[in-house]
């Protein structure tokens, strides 16, 4: 059974950095593109970033471009999200997800989800 487990969240001051990790098991990791989403209290889940199967193509939401970097290590079956220059508005639960072919920015386009990790940025 496919499982995605996020780690690396926590409390950080504005301007700080965090690195999220998502370890996959029970699926052929290299066959899936991977994405990160986030959900703040009272808001819908929103796309953050995605990386294709070979770690060569990435997309980001506009508000994180230049601050966040998504990458993956297929040998370790892990996807990462390096978050720099964090802002209070980045506060949310962050989820990783796996998808096959097709679009990348909508939750329904993803097949598997992790349980999420909390990121809190204080001002």
C-alpha atoms as a PDB file:
ATOM      1  CA  UNK A   1       0.000   0.000   0.000  1.00  0.00           C
ATOM      2  CA  UNK A   2       1.356   3.403  -0.992  1.00  0.00           C
ATOM      3  CA  UNK A   3       2.434   5.618   1.876  1.00  0.00           C
ATOM      4  CA  UNK A   4       3.868   9.146   1.983  1.00  0.00           C
ATOM      5  CA  UNK A   5       5.299  10.476   5.231  1.00  0.00           C
ATOM      6  CA  UNK A   6       6.249  14.130   5.643  1.00  0.00           C
ATOM      7  CA  UNK A   7       8.741  15.503   8.152  1.00  0.00           C
ATOM      8  CA  UNK A   8      10.689  18.674   8.843  1.00  0.00           C
ATOM      9  CA  UNK A   9       7.940  21.068   9.814  1.00  0.00           C
ATOM     10  CA  UNK A  10       8.122  23.300  12.852  1.00  0.00           C
ATOM     11  CA  UNK A  11       8.101  26.827  14.212  1.00  0.00           C
ATOM     12  CA  UNK A  12      10.424  29.395  12.636  1.00  0.00           C
ATOM     13  CA  UNK A  13      10.750  33.152  12.678  1.00  0.00           C
ATOM     14  CA  UNK A  14      10.025  35.217   9.608  1.00  0.00           C
ATOM     15  CA  UNK A  15      13.024  35.198   7.296  1.00  0.00           C
ATOM     16  CA  UNK A  16      14.090  31.761   8.443  1.00  0.00           C
ATOM     17  CA  UNK A  17      14.318  28.472   6.584  1.00  0.00           C
ATOM     18  CA  UNK A  18      12.953  24.965   6.816  1.00  0.00           C
ATOM     19  CA  UNK A  19      13.465  21.845   4.730  1.00  0.00           C
ATOM     20  CA  UNK A  20      10.548  19.474   4.391  1.00  0.00           C
ATOM     21  CA  UNK A  21      11.027  15.850   3.411  1.00  0.00           C
ATOM     22  CA  UNK A  22       8.534  13.303   2.167  1.00  0.00           C
ATOM     23  CA  UNK A  23       9.487   9.635   2.174  1.00  0.00           C
ATOM     24  CA  UNK A  24       7.556   7.286  -0.088  1.00  0.00           C
ATOM     25  CA  UNK A  25       6.954   3.571   0.227  1.00  0.00           C
ATOM     26  CA  UNK A  26       4.708   1.013  -1.426  1.00  0.00           C
ATOM     27  CA  UNK A  27       4.842   2.640  -4.854  1.00  0.00           C
ATOM     28  CA  UNK A  28       7.269   2.865  -7.750  1.00  0.00           C
ATOM     29  CA  UNK A  29       8.493   6.305  -6.761  1.00  0.00           C
ATOM     30  CA  UNK A  30      10.293   7.107 -10.008  1.00  0.00           C
ATOM     31  CA  UNK A  31       7.057   6.574 -11.955  1.00  0.00           C
ATOM     32  CA  UNK A  32       5.298   9.439 -10.199  1.00  0.00           C
ATOM     33  CA  UNK A  33       5.617  13.161 -10.377  1.00  0.00           C
ATOM     34  CA  UNK A  34       5.539  14.684  -6.909  1.00  0.00           C
ATOM     35  CA  UNK A  35       3.977  17.801  -5.505  1.00  0.00           C
ATOM     36  CA  UNK A  36       3.642  19.876  -2.362  1.00  0.00           C
ATOM     37  CA  UNK A  37       0.408  21.527  -1.289  1.00  0.00           C
ATOM     38  CA  UNK A  38      -0.489  23.521   1.784  1.00  0.00           C
ATOM     39  CA  UNK A  39      -3.633  24.333   3.696  1.00  0.00           C
ATOM     40  CA  UNK A  40      -4.064  27.150   6.171  1.00  0.00           C
ATOM     41  CA  UNK A  41      -6.943  27.194   8.690  1.00  0.00           C
ATOM     42  CA  UNK A  42     -10.207  28.111   7.009  1.00  0.00           C
ATOM     43  CA  UNK A  43      -8.701  28.040   3.531  1.00  0.00           C
ATOM     44  CA  UNK A  44      -8.683  25.589   0.665  1.00  0.00           C
ATOM     45  CA  UNK A  45      -5.714  23.384  -0.036  1.00  0.00           C
ATOM     46  CA  UNK A  46      -3.434  25.132  -2.511  1.00  0.00           C
ATOM     47  CA  UNK A  47      -0.678  24.081  -4.848  1.00  0.00           C
ATOM     48  CA  UNK A  48       2.868  25.006  -3.844  1.00  0.00           C
ATOM     49  CA  UNK A  49       5.295  23.182  -6.132  1.00  0.00           C
ATOM     50  CA  UNK A  50       5.740  20.111  -8.280  1.00  0.00           C
ATOM     51  CA  UNK A  51       8.627  18.187  -9.810  1.00  0.00           C
ATOM     52  CA  UNK A  52       8.481  15.700 -12.654  1.00  0.00           C
ATOM     53  CA  UNK A  53       9.722  12.128 -12.500  1.00  0.00           C
ATOM     54  CA  UNK A  54      13.291  12.883 -13.502  1.00  0.00           C
ATOM     55  CA  UNK A  55      13.780  15.991 -11.318  1.00  0.00           C
ATOM     56  CA  UNK A  56      14.218  18.157 -14.426  1.00  0.00           C
ATOM     57  CA  UNK A  57      10.980  20.119 -14.617  1.00  0.00           C
ATOM     58  CA  UNK A  58       9.504  22.105 -11.766  1.00  0.00           C
ATOM     59  CA  UNK A  59       6.589  24.485 -11.294  1.00  0.00           C
ATOM     60  CA  UNK A  60       5.812  26.809  -8.404  1.00  0.00           C
ATOM     61  CA  UNK A  61       2.980  29.011  -7.305  1.00  0.00           C
ATOM     62  CA  UNK A  62       3.904  32.645  -7.859  1.00  0.00           C
ATOM     63  CA  UNK A  63       4.104  33.583  -4.186  1.00  0.00           C
ATOM     64  CA  UNK A  64       6.908  31.096  -3.464  1.00  0.00           C
ATOM     65  CA  UNK A  65       9.007  31.505  -6.610  1.00  0.00           C
ATOM     66  CA  UNK A  66      12.578  32.403  -5.730  1.00  0.00           C
ATOM     67  CA  UNK A  67      12.092  31.316  -2.100  1.00  0.00           C
ATOM     68  CA  UNK A  68      11.132  27.628  -2.289  1.00  0.00           C
ATOM     69  CA  UNK A  69      12.886  24.818  -4.136  1.00  0.00           C
ATOM     70  CA  UNK A  70      11.447  21.380  -4.795  1.00  0.00           C
ATOM     71  CA  UNK A  71      13.730  18.444  -5.540  1.00  0.00           C
ATOM     72  CA  UNK A  72      13.713  14.678  -5.376  1.00  0.00           C
ATOM     73  CA  UNK A  73      16.051  11.758  -4.866  1.00  0.00           C
ATOM     74  CA  UNK A  74      14.669   8.713  -6.640  1.00  0.00           C
ATOM     75  CA  UNK A  75      17.243   6.419  -5.054  1.00  0.00           C
ATOM     76  CA  UNK A  76      16.006   7.461  -1.603  1.00  0.00           C
ATOM     77  CA  UNK A  77      12.354   7.665  -2.700  1.00  0.00           C
ATOM     78  CA  UNK A  78      12.166  11.093  -1.149  1.00  0.00           C
ATOM     79  CA  UNK A  79      10.976  14.515  -2.267  1.00  0.00           C
ATOM     80  CA  UNK A  80      12.111  17.721  -0.591  1.00  0.00           C
ATOM     81  CA  UNK A  81      10.880  21.265  -0.243  1.00  0.00           C
ATOM     82  CA  UNK A  82      13.531  23.780   0.760  1.00  0.00           C
ATOM     83  CA  UNK A  83      11.816  26.882   2.081  1.00  0.00           C
ATOM     84  CA  UNK A  84      13.808  30.070   2.538  1.00  0.00           C
ATOM     85  CA  UNK A  85      12.854  33.639   3.470  1.00  0.00           C
ATOM     86  CA  UNK A  86       9.720  32.324   5.137  1.00  0.00           C
ATOM     87  CA  UNK A  87       6.825  34.680   5.748  1.00  0.00           C
ATOM     88  CA  UNK A  88       3.924  34.477   8.215  1.00  0.00           C
ATOM     89  CA  UNK A  89       1.587  33.865   5.273  1.00  0.00           C
ATOM     90  CA  UNK A  90       3.461  30.615   4.585  1.00  0.00           C
ATOM     91  CA  UNK A  91       1.995  29.204   7.804  1.00  0.00           C
ATOM     92  CA  UNK A  92      -0.008  26.072   6.950  1.00  0.00           C
ATOM     93  CA  UNK A  93      -0.051  22.312   7.040  1.00  0.00           C
ATOM     94  CA  UNK A  94       2.124  21.124   4.171  1.00  0.00           C
ATOM     95  CA  UNK A  95       1.259  17.942   2.292  1.00  0.00           C
ATOM     96  CA  UNK A  96       3.204  15.970  -0.248  1.00  0.00           C
ATOM     97  CA  UNK A  97       1.400  14.075  -2.967  1.00  0.00           C
ATOM     98  CA  UNK A  98       2.115  11.758  -5.888  1.00  0.00           C
ATOM     99  CA  UNK A  99       0.531  11.847  -9.333  1.00  0.00           C
ATOM    100  CA  UNK A 100       0.742  10.124 -12.694  1.00  0.00           C
ATOM    101  CA  UNK A 101       0.462  11.957 -15.981  1.00  0.00           C
ATOM    102  CA  UNK A 102      -1.631  15.057 -16.497  1.00  0.00           C
ATOM    103  CA  UNK A 103      -2.034  18.366 -14.741  1.00  0.00           C
ATOM    104  CA  UNK A 104      -0.176  19.313 -11.626  1.00  0.00           C
ATOM    105  CA  UNK A 105      -1.819  22.135  -9.727  1.00  0.00           C
ATOM    106  CA  UNK A 106      -5.144  20.704  -8.567  1.00  0.00           C
ATOM    107  CA  UNK A 107      -5.566  18.297  -5.655  1.00  0.00           C
ATOM    108  CA  UNK A 108      -7.773  15.868  -7.608  1.00  0.00           C
ATOM    109  CA  UNK A 109      -4.913  15.299 -10.069  1.00  0.00           C
ATOM    110  CA  UNK A 110      -2.928  13.527  -7.347  1.00  0.00           C
ATOM    111  CA  UNK A 111      -3.336   9.874  -6.442  1.00  0.00           C
ATOM    112  CA  UNK A 112      -1.627   9.588  -3.060  1.00  0.00           C
ATOM    113  CA  UNK A 113      -1.268  11.964  -0.121  1.00  0.00           C
ATOM    114  CA  UNK A 114       0.689  12.209   3.073  1.00  0.00           C
ATOM    115  CA  UNK A 115      -0.749  13.203   6.440  1.00  0.00           C
ATOM    116  CA  UNK A 116       0.885  16.616   6.457  1.00  0.00           C
ATOM    117  CA  UNK A 117       3.401  18.502   8.559  1.00  0.00           C
ATOM    118  CA  UNK A 118       2.745  21.816  10.301  1.00  0.00           C
ATOM    119  CA  UNK A 119       4.801  24.856   9.378  1.00  0.00           C
ATOM    120  CA  UNK A 120       4.358  27.950  11.536  1.00  0.00           C
ATOM    121  CA  UNK A 121       6.139  31.215  10.744  1.00  0.00           C
ATOM    122  CA  UNK A 122       6.098  33.847  13.470  1.00  0.00           C
ATOM    123  CA  UNK A 123       6.396  37.554  12.737  1.00  0.00           C
END
